[in-house]
């Protein structure tokens, strides 16, 4: 259980077990205008994933539609309007009820934003990915888990995605984990916080001190019980 509290612990598909391949680097992937859409090129390079990724795109389109972001409207928006509208949709994607303490930052590169606006399916893929990821339950809820920090980074295409998550008490302390999260998110991007994120461990939380105190309390309880037993035996004698 200690490992799940202070180390990397995934909740299932996607969460804490992210793909980190770099099939195309941000610097070279789009040196020239692609002849096909971003997603069509991705399907061509990854035919076995086509059906699963199309389903993710479908889920994402439902999310974008709910925010009034259709393919036609996207084309008519300015870059700033588009970013604002998509960011608002991403911010509102809920976390699974078993993940009330999580905090997440979504970083999208300039190439990513440009390609999302050009290819509505790619924007939908990102929204669908985040929906699927946040819908994954946390099996450690109720067992002392303090929640997770998540950082997602999206680039020019799905192949440029990378991301990870870690405990809010990574290494055993809340202050260290928080410092790492702030450094990684760089205080920018699209930030989403679960409903009880404010109930995170206090800055001075230290799991090792807590375990030490818990051990002392247990010893005191055992000693107290032993004294009670001896007193009872004495009375009976």
Foldseek 3Di string as FASTA:
>chain_A
DVCQAAWQDALDPDAQDHDAFCPDDLVPPPPDPDPDAQVVVVCVVPVVCVVVLVVLLVQLQVLLVVLVRDLVVLQVDDLVVNVVSLLVSLQPQAAAPQAQQEKEFEAEDPLRSVSCSVHVSQSSSVSSSSNVRRNRHHPCRVVPAQHKYKYWYHYNHPSNIDIRMGGCCHVFFNQVSVVVSCVVNVPDGRMYGGNVNVPGDPRGGGRVVVVVVVVVVVVVVVVVVVVVVVVVVVVVD
